[in-house]
N, C-alpha and C. Protein backbone atom coordinates (compact mmCIF):
# COMPACT_ATOMS: atom_id res chain seq x y z
N MET A 1 95.40 -101.51 53.05
CA MET A 1 94.94 -100.17 53.27
C MET A 1 95.43 -99.28 52.13
N SER A 2 94.59 -98.35 51.69
CA SER A 2 94.97 -97.52 50.54
C SER A 2 95.86 -96.35 50.95
N GLU A 3 96.64 -95.88 50.02
CA GLU A 3 97.54 -94.74 50.22
C GLU A 3 96.72 -93.46 50.31
N VAL A 4 97.03 -92.63 51.31
CA VAL A 4 96.34 -91.36 51.49
C VAL A 4 96.92 -90.34 50.52
N LYS A 5 96.05 -89.60 49.85
CA LYS A 5 96.49 -88.56 48.91
C LYS A 5 96.83 -87.30 49.68
N LEU A 6 98.05 -86.81 49.52
CA LEU A 6 98.49 -85.59 50.19
C LEU A 6 98.86 -84.54 49.15
N ASP A 7 98.55 -83.27 49.48
CA ASP A 7 99.00 -82.22 48.58
C ASP A 7 100.47 -81.93 48.91
N SER A 8 101.10 -81.05 48.18
CA SER A 8 102.54 -80.82 48.33
C SER A 8 102.89 -80.29 49.73
N GLU A 9 102.06 -79.43 50.28
CA GLU A 9 102.33 -78.89 51.62
C GLU A 9 102.22 -79.99 52.68
N GLU A 10 101.20 -80.82 52.57
CA GLU A 10 101.03 -81.92 53.51
C GLU A 10 102.18 -82.91 53.40
N ARG A 11 102.61 -83.19 52.18
CA ARG A 11 103.74 -84.10 51.95
C ARG A 11 105.01 -83.53 52.57
N GLU A 12 105.23 -82.23 52.41
CA GLU A 12 106.42 -81.58 52.98
C GLU A 12 106.41 -81.68 54.51
N LEU A 13 105.26 -81.45 55.13
CA LEU A 13 105.14 -81.56 56.59
C LEU A 13 105.39 -83.00 57.05
N LEU A 14 104.81 -83.96 56.36
CA LEU A 14 105.00 -85.36 56.72
C LEU A 14 106.46 -85.76 56.57
N ASP A 15 107.09 -85.37 55.49
CA ASP A 15 108.50 -85.70 55.27
C ASP A 15 109.37 -85.10 56.38
N SER A 16 109.07 -83.86 56.76
CA SER A 16 109.81 -83.19 57.82
C SER A 16 109.64 -83.93 59.15
N TYR A 17 108.41 -84.33 59.44
CA TYR A 17 108.14 -85.07 60.68
C TYR A 17 108.87 -86.41 60.67
N GLU A 18 108.78 -87.12 59.58
CA GLU A 18 109.42 -88.44 59.49
C GLU A 18 110.94 -88.34 59.54
N ALA A 19 111.50 -87.19 59.14
CA ALA A 19 112.95 -86.98 59.20
C ALA A 19 113.39 -86.53 60.61
N ARG A 20 112.43 -86.53 61.54
CA ARG A 20 112.68 -86.15 62.94
C ARG A 20 113.20 -84.72 63.06
N GLU A 21 112.70 -83.85 62.22
CA GLU A 21 113.09 -82.44 62.27
C GLU A 21 112.26 -81.65 63.30
N TRP A 22 111.23 -82.25 63.84
CA TRP A 22 110.36 -81.57 64.79
C TRP A 22 110.86 -81.81 66.20
N ARG A 23 110.75 -80.78 67.04
CA ARG A 23 111.20 -80.87 68.43
C ARG A 23 110.07 -80.42 69.35
N SER A 24 110.00 -81.02 70.51
CA SER A 24 109.02 -80.60 71.52
C SER A 24 109.40 -79.22 72.03
N VAL A 25 108.41 -78.47 72.43
CA VAL A 25 108.66 -77.13 72.98
C VAL A 25 108.36 -77.16 74.47
N SER A 26 109.07 -76.32 75.19
CA SER A 26 108.83 -76.24 76.63
C SER A 26 107.68 -75.27 76.89
N GLY A 27 107.01 -75.46 77.98
CA GLY A 27 105.93 -74.57 78.38
C GLY A 27 104.64 -74.74 77.59
N ILE A 28 104.46 -75.88 76.95
CA ILE A 28 103.29 -76.08 76.11
C ILE A 28 102.01 -76.10 76.93
N GLU A 29 102.05 -76.63 78.15
CA GLU A 29 100.85 -76.69 78.97
C GLU A 29 100.39 -75.29 79.36
N ALA A 30 101.30 -74.40 79.69
CA ALA A 30 100.94 -73.01 80.02
C ALA A 30 100.34 -72.32 78.80
N GLU A 31 100.90 -72.58 77.65
CA GLU A 31 100.39 -72.00 76.41
C GLU A 31 98.98 -72.52 76.12
N ALA A 32 98.76 -73.80 76.30
CA ALA A 32 97.44 -74.39 76.08
C ALA A 32 96.43 -73.80 77.06
N GLN A 33 96.83 -73.62 78.31
CA GLN A 33 95.93 -73.04 79.31
C GLN A 33 95.56 -71.61 78.93
N ARG A 34 96.50 -70.85 78.43
CA ARG A 34 96.23 -69.48 78.00
C ARG A 34 95.17 -69.46 76.91
N TYR A 35 95.27 -70.35 75.94
CA TYR A 35 94.30 -70.39 74.85
C TYR A 35 92.95 -70.93 75.33
N ARG A 36 92.94 -71.83 76.31
CA ARG A 36 91.68 -72.28 76.89
C ARG A 36 90.95 -71.11 77.54
N GLU A 37 91.71 -70.25 78.23
CA GLU A 37 91.10 -69.08 78.87
C GLU A 37 90.56 -68.11 77.83
N TYR A 38 91.27 -67.92 76.73
CA TYR A 38 90.77 -67.08 75.64
C TYR A 38 89.45 -67.64 75.11
N ALA A 39 89.39 -68.95 74.93
CA ALA A 39 88.19 -69.59 74.39
C ALA A 39 87.01 -69.40 75.35
N ARG A 40 87.26 -69.58 76.65
CA ARG A 40 86.18 -69.39 77.63
C ARG A 40 85.65 -67.97 77.59
N ALA A 41 86.56 -66.99 77.50
CA ALA A 41 86.14 -65.59 77.46
C ALA A 41 85.31 -65.32 76.20
N LEU A 42 85.71 -65.87 75.08
CA LEU A 42 84.97 -65.69 73.84
C LEU A 42 83.57 -66.31 73.95
N ILE A 43 83.50 -67.52 74.47
CA ILE A 43 82.21 -68.19 74.61
C ILE A 43 81.32 -67.42 75.57
N ALA A 44 81.87 -66.95 76.69
CA ALA A 44 81.08 -66.17 77.65
C ALA A 44 80.54 -64.91 76.99
N SER A 45 81.35 -64.25 76.17
CA SER A 45 80.92 -63.04 75.48
C SER A 45 79.78 -63.33 74.51
N ILE A 46 79.89 -64.42 73.76
CA ILE A 46 78.84 -64.79 72.81
C ILE A 46 77.55 -65.14 73.54
N ILE A 47 77.65 -65.89 74.63
CA ILE A 47 76.46 -66.23 75.40
C ILE A 47 75.81 -64.98 75.97
N HIS A 48 76.61 -64.07 76.50
CA HIS A 48 76.07 -62.82 77.04
C HIS A 48 75.33 -62.04 75.96
N LYS A 49 75.92 -61.93 74.77
CA LYS A 49 75.24 -61.23 73.68
C LYS A 49 73.94 -61.92 73.29
N TYR A 50 73.94 -63.25 73.27
CA TYR A 50 72.74 -64.01 72.92
C TYR A 50 71.63 -63.76 73.95
N VAL A 51 71.98 -63.88 75.22
CA VAL A 51 71.00 -63.73 76.30
C VAL A 51 70.44 -62.31 76.34
N SER A 52 71.29 -61.33 76.09
CA SER A 52 70.84 -59.93 76.15
C SER A 52 70.17 -59.47 74.86
N GLY A 53 70.14 -60.34 73.85
CA GLY A 53 69.49 -60.00 72.58
C GLY A 53 70.35 -59.18 71.64
N ASN A 54 71.63 -59.10 71.93
CA ASN A 54 72.53 -58.30 71.09
C ASN A 54 73.33 -59.13 70.08
N LEU A 55 73.07 -60.41 70.02
CA LEU A 55 73.76 -61.25 69.04
C LEU A 55 73.00 -61.16 67.73
N VAL A 56 73.61 -60.54 66.75
CA VAL A 56 72.95 -60.27 65.47
C VAL A 56 73.75 -60.91 64.35
N GLU A 57 73.04 -61.62 63.49
CA GLU A 57 73.69 -62.22 62.33
C GLU A 57 73.94 -61.13 61.30
N ARG A 58 75.15 -61.03 60.84
CA ARG A 58 75.49 -60.07 59.79
C ARG A 58 75.84 -60.85 58.54
N ARG A 59 75.06 -60.60 57.53
CA ARG A 59 75.31 -61.29 56.25
C ARG A 59 76.06 -60.35 55.33
N SER A 60 77.08 -60.86 54.75
CA SER A 60 77.83 -60.05 53.80
C SER A 60 77.16 -60.12 52.44
N GLU A 61 77.37 -59.11 51.65
CA GLU A 61 76.84 -59.09 50.29
C GLU A 61 77.57 -60.12 49.45
N PRO A 62 76.85 -60.79 48.54
CA PRO A 62 77.52 -61.76 47.68
C PRO A 62 78.58 -61.10 46.80
N GLN A 63 79.68 -61.77 46.63
CA GLN A 63 80.77 -61.27 45.79
C GLN A 63 80.61 -61.82 44.38
N TYR A 64 80.40 -60.94 43.43
CA TYR A 64 80.25 -61.38 42.04
C TYR A 64 81.46 -61.05 41.24
């Protein structure tokens, strides 16, 4: 199997992980549930805008 090319930031993260510097956090399931609820609210808002005809694509001007 070939060696994966990593940039310096990815290499630093991998080295840190392999050195067992990472620790589990408590309450991760509650945190994940909170973000799932945020995602549902965002999706519901987008669907509501689409159904009501208020979802409008905004194109930004090209940056030269």
